Amino acid sequence: MQRWADDELRSLNGQIEFALRRALKEVGRLKDKGSPPGRPKK
């Protein structure tokens, strides 16, 4: 994962977040950008 992050000029944490968001989007579980994950939109 660190090598992948280095290749894409991201931090390791940023790369993990990127991979998680992409996986969530693929399965249709990603909410809109306005609300943090796990919190309902007001």
Protein backbone atom coordinates (compact mmCIF):
# COMPACT_ATOMS: atom_id res chain seq x y z
CA MET A 1 0.00 0.00 0.00
CA GLN A 2 2.86 2.38 0.78
CA ARG A 3 4.43 1.82 -2.65
CA TRP A 4 1.07 2.48 -4.31
CA ALA A 5 0.72 5.70 -2.28
CA ASP A 6 4.24 6.77 -3.24
CA ASP A 7 3.50 6.13 -6.93
CA GLU A 8 0.43 8.36 -6.76
CA LEU A 9 2.06 11.04 -4.58
CA ARG A 10 -0.30 10.44 -1.65
CA SER A 11 0.32 9.78 2.02
CA LEU A 12 -0.42 6.26 3.23
CA ASN A 13 -3.52 7.52 5.05
CA GLY A 14 -4.65 9.36 1.93
CA GLN A 15 -4.18 6.23 -0.16
CA ILE A 16 -6.19 4.12 2.28
CA GLU A 17 -8.99 6.70 2.22
CA PHE A 18 -8.86 6.77 -1.59
CA ALA A 19 -9.14 2.97 -1.80
CA LEU A 20 -11.99 2.84 0.71
CA ARG A 21 -13.94 5.58 -1.05
CA ARG A 22 -13.48 3.89 -4.41
CA ALA A 23 -14.69 0.56 -3.01
CA LEU A 24 -17.70 2.23 -1.38
CA LYS A 25 -18.57 3.98 -4.63
CA GLU A 26 -18.35 0.70 -6.58
CA VAL A 27 -20.92 -0.98 -4.31
CA GLY A 28 -23.18 2.09 -4.14
CA ARG A 29 -22.58 2.88 -0.46
CA LEU A 30 -20.86 6.26 -0.83
CA LYS A 31 -22.96 9.18 0.41
CA ASP A 32 -22.77 12.67 -1.07
CA LYS A 33 -19.67 14.72 -0.33
CA GLY A 34 -21.56 17.12 1.95
CA SER A 35 -22.02 14.75 4.88
CA PRO A 36 -19.29 12.92 6.76
CA PRO A 37 -19.40 9.11 6.59
CA GLY A 38 -21.66 7.54 9.19
CA ARG A 39 -23.62 10.69 9.93
CA PRO A 40 -27.05 11.40 8.50
CA LYS A 41 -27.39 14.55 6.40
CA LYS A 42 -29.33 17.34 8.17
